[in-house]
Amino acid sequence: MNFPYGEWIIFFITLVTFIEKRISRWFFLKLAKVWLLGKLFEVVLASESVWHYHYARMAVMLFVGGYAWKRTRRKFWPLILTSFALGVEILFQVNDPGVLPFSSLIFALALASVAWLTAKSYWGTALALIGSVLLNQGFERVVYEGILRHVDLPDPFIWNFGVIFLTVWAGLRLGWRTYYQEAKALPVFDSANDQDLK
């Protein structure tokens, strides 16, 4: 996944929330500002080293991670267990690269499952995913030293998968909440009232 799906999703959600004047537009406008600041930082500090840091993505991850930190109760165990799962993926890819077909997708699904099962909430899962990726960048740096010629931090596949996963989850959650509120607002008629309507 070299195409920046995550950035485009965030951009279009920002546009939609701003045009529709939703309450969440301020969150997404701040998110866009943070991304632009990170992109500026990325352009200013461009280097030709093996380690290619995507500062815009890391800035977005830090912003959303801080937002999630305030809104979740279960912080440490989901973060530790998800970091452990991501560390297992890194070690597996270093020791046996290419053994499993679709290994990136399998490990991304496992990572999302571990985050979801341990956090049990949307913001807890977001914090576990984001925190584990940020924490494991140092681990990746040590493990991949001298092995690879180019490393993107954070990994583009994990970044795009995480944005798509959290966006789909938030959309389904919003759809369910809207459906539940509309179903609750519909009047309930008993059989006597139904006969009066006929």
Protein backbone atom coordinates (compact mmCIF):
# COMPACT_ATOMS: atom_id res chain seq x y z
CA MET A 1 0.00 0.00 0.00
CA ASN A 2 2.16 2.86 -1.22
CA PHE A 3 -0.81 5.11 -2.04
CA PRO A 4 -1.60 7.41 0.93
CA TYR A 5 -5.09 6.10 1.64
CA GLY A 6 -4.95 7.24 5.25
CA GLU A 7 -4.18 10.84 4.36
CA TRP A 8 -6.96 11.00 1.77
CA ILE A 9 -9.50 9.50 4.16
CA ILE A 10 -8.62 12.06 6.84
CA PHE A 11 -8.77 14.86 4.23
CA PHE A 12 -12.23 13.88 2.96
CA ILE A 13 -13.63 13.36 6.47
CA THR A 14 -12.35 16.83 7.37
CA LEU A 15 -14.07 18.31 4.31
CA VAL A 16 -17.35 16.51 4.97
CA THR A 17 -17.50 17.48 8.65
CA PHE A 18 -16.64 21.09 7.80
CA ILE A 19 -19.24 21.35 5.02
CA GLU A 20 -21.97 19.69 7.10
CA LYS A 21 -21.04 21.87 10.10
CA ARG A 22 -20.84 18.93 12.45
CA ILE A 23 -19.57 19.30 16.00
CA SER A 24 -16.60 17.08 15.18
CA ARG A 25 -15.33 19.51 12.52
CA TRP A 26 -13.09 21.25 15.06
CA PHE A 27 -11.40 17.96 15.91
CA PHE A 28 -10.76 17.23 12.24
CA LEU A 29 -9.59 20.80 11.52
CA LYS A 30 -7.07 20.48 14.36
CA LEU A 31 -6.09 17.11 12.94
CA ALA A 32 -5.51 18.67 9.51
CA LYS A 33 -3.40 21.45 11.06
CA VAL A 34 -1.33 18.89 12.93
CA TRP A 35 -0.83 16.92 9.71
CA LEU A 36 0.26 20.05 7.81
CA LEU A 37 2.69 20.97 10.58
CA GLY A 38 4.14 17.46 10.50
CA LYS A 39 4.42 17.59 6.70
CA LEU A 40 6.27 20.91 6.94
CA PHE A 41 8.59 19.37 9.51
CA GLU A 42 9.10 16.39 7.18
CA VAL A 43 10.07 18.66 4.26
CA VAL A 44 12.45 20.75 6.37
CA LEU A 45 14.19 17.71 7.91
CA ALA A 46 14.34 15.57 4.77
CA SER A 47 17.30 13.20 4.80
CA GLU A 48 18.72 10.43 2.66
CA SER A 49 19.21 7.99 5.54
CA VAL A 50 17.88 4.45 5.71
CA TRP A 51 15.21 5.54 8.17
CA HIS A 52 12.48 7.52 6.46
CA TYR A 53 10.30 9.12 9.11
CA HIS A 54 6.81 10.26 8.13
CA TYR A 55 6.50 13.13 10.59
CA ALA A 56 3.01 14.06 9.35
CA ARG A 57 1.72 10.58 10.15
CA MET A 58 3.51 10.54 13.50
CA ALA A 59 2.03 13.95 14.38
CA VAL A 60 -1.48 12.70 13.56
CA MET A 61 -0.84 9.57 15.62
CA LEU A 62 0.36 11.61 18.59
CA PHE A 63 -2.67 13.94 18.35
CA VAL A 64 -5.23 11.12 18.10
CA GLY A 65 -3.34 9.11 20.72
CA GLY A 66 -3.49 12.03 23.16
CA TYR A 67 -7.19 12.47 22.42
CA ALA A 68 -7.78 8.75 22.99
CA TRP A 69 -5.72 8.81 26.21
CA LYS A 70 -8.22 11.26 27.75
CA ARG A 71 -11.25 9.19 26.72
CA THR A 72 -10.36 5.68 27.79
CA ARG A 73 -10.11 3.94 31.13
CA ARG A 74 -8.07 0.88 30.17
CA LYS A 75 -4.74 2.30 29.06
CA PHE A 76 -1.75 0.19 29.97
CA TRP A 77 -2.61 -3.49 29.45
CA PRO A 78 -4.05 -3.04 25.95
CA LEU A 79 -1.01 -0.94 25.05
CA ILE A 80 1.45 -3.51 26.41
CA LEU A 81 -0.26 -6.53 24.82
CA THR A 82 -0.69 -4.83 21.45
CA SER A 83 2.95 -3.72 21.53
CA PHE A 84 3.93 -7.31 22.23
CA ALA A 85 1.86 -8.51 19.23
CA LEU A 86 3.51 -5.92 16.98
CA GLY A 87 6.94 -6.93 18.30
CA VAL A 88 6.20 -10.55 17.39
CA GLU A 89 5.32 -9.42 13.86
CA ILE A 90 8.58 -7.49 13.53
CA LEU A 91 10.66 -10.45 14.73
CA PHE A 92 8.77 -12.84 12.45
CA GLN A 93 9.34 -10.65 9.40
CA VAL A 94 13.04 -10.27 10.17
CA ASN A 95 13.65 -13.99 10.77
CA ASP A 96 11.30 -15.55 8.17
CA PRO A 97 10.38 -12.95 5.54
CA GLY A 98 7.94 -14.11 2.90
CA VAL A 99 7.08 -17.45 4.54
CA LEU A 100 3.41 -16.58 5.05
CA PRO A 101 1.48 -15.21 2.09
CA PHE A 102 -0.30 -11.97 3.02
CA SER A 103 1.67 -11.85 6.28
CA SER A 104 1.22 -8.07 6.61
CA LEU A 105 -2.56 -8.40 6.42
CA ILE A 106 -2.64 -11.38 8.79
CA PHE A 107 -0.53 -9.57 11.38
CA ALA A 108 -2.54 -6.33 10.96
CA LEU A 109 -5.78 -8.23 11.62
CA ALA A 110 -4.16 -9.92 14.63
CA LEU A 111 -2.95 -6.55 15.89
CA ALA A 112 -6.42 -5.00 15.55
CA SER A 113 -7.99 -8.05 17.23
CA VAL A 114 -5.61 -7.91 20.20
CA ALA A 115 -6.21 -4.17 20.58
CA TRP A 116 -9.98 -4.57 20.39
CA LEU A 117 -10.21 -7.60 22.70
CA THR A 118 -8.03 -6.04 25.39
CA ALA A 119 -9.36 -2.46 25.25
CA LYS A 120 -13.08 -3.20 24.71
CA SER A 121 -13.85 0.36 23.57
CA TYR A 122 -13.29 2.49 20.48
CA TRP A 123 -10.88 4.96 22.04
CA GLY A 124 -9.09 2.23 23.96
CA THR A 125 -8.54 0.31 20.73
CA ALA A 126 -7.32 3.47 19.00
CA LEU A 127 -4.91 4.15 21.86
CA ALA A 128 -3.61 0.57 21.83
CA LEU A 129 -3.04 0.59 18.05
CA ILE A 130 -1.43 4.02 17.95
CA GLY A 131 0.64 3.53 21.08
CA SER A 132 1.96 0.16 19.98
CA VAL A 133 3.05 1.52 16.60
CA LEU A 134 4.80 4.50 18.21
CA LEU A 135 6.47 2.37 20.89
CA ASN A 136 7.66 -0.26 18.43
CA GLN A 137 9.41 2.23 16.17
CA GLY A 138 12.40 2.13 18.49
CA PHE A 139 12.28 -1.67 18.48
CA GLU A 140 12.16 -1.67 14.66
CA ARG A 141 15.17 0.62 14.57
CA VAL A 142 17.23 -1.82 16.64
CA VAL A 143 16.04 -4.98 14.86
CA TYR A 144 16.36 -3.72 11.29
CA GLU A 145 19.74 -2.03 11.80
CA GLY A 146 22.06 -3.18 9.02
CA ILE A 147 19.44 -5.43 7.36
CA LEU A 148 17.33 -3.11 5.20
CA ARG A 149 18.23 -0.25 2.92
CA HIS A 150 14.99 1.68 3.35
CA VAL A 151 12.50 1.63 6.22
CA ASP A 152 9.39 3.78 6.47
CA LEU A 153 8.40 4.70 10.01
CA PRO A 154 5.53 4.22 10.70
CA ASP A 155 4.96 1.33 8.33
CA PRO A 156 2.67 2.51 5.48
CA PHE A 157 0.59 -0.68 5.51
CA ILE A 158 -0.07 -0.50 9.26
CA TRP A 159 -0.81 3.24 8.96
CA ASN A 160 -3.34 2.79 6.14
CA PHE A 161 -4.88 -0.29 7.74
CA GLY A 162 -5.25 1.52 11.08
CA VAL A 163 -6.90 4.57 9.51
CA ILE A 164 -9.28 2.43 7.45
CA PHE A 165 -10.08 0.16 10.43
CA LEU A 166 -10.81 3.04 12.82
CA THR A 167 -12.79 4.97 10.17
CA VAL A 168 -14.99 1.99 9.30
CA TRP A 169 -15.54 1.27 12.99
CA ALA A 170 -16.49 4.91 13.69
CA GLY A 171 -18.83 4.96 10.68
CA LEU A 172 -20.57 1.75 11.73
CA ARG A 173 -20.83 3.04 15.29
CA LEU A 174 -22.35 6.32 14.09
CA GLY A 175 -24.75 4.47 11.81
CA TRP A 176 -25.84 2.16 14.62
CA ARG A 177 -26.35 5.07 17.00
CA THR A 178 -28.43 6.95 14.39
CA TYR A 179 -30.51 3.86 13.62
CA TYR A 180 -31.09 3.20 17.32
CA GLN A 181 -32.17 6.80 17.97
CA GLU A 182 -34.56 6.78 15.00
CA ALA A 183 -36.03 3.43 16.07
CA LYS A 184 -36.49 4.80 19.57
CA ALA A 185 -38.21 7.94 18.27
CA LEU A 186 -40.80 6.06 16.18
CA PRO A 187 -44.20 5.93 17.88
CA VAL A 188 -45.42 2.54 18.97
CA PHE A 189 -49.10 1.82 18.32
CA ASP A 190 -51.08 -0.78 20.15
CA SER A 191 -53.69 -2.89 18.37
CA ALA A 192 -56.63 -0.63 19.38
CA ASN A 193 -54.96 2.41 17.85
CA ASP A 194 -54.11 0.41 14.72
CA GLN A 195 -57.81 -0.34 14.20
CA ASP A 196 -58.67 3.35 14.59
CA LEU A 197 -56.19 4.20 11.87
CA LYS A 198 -57.89 1.85 9.40
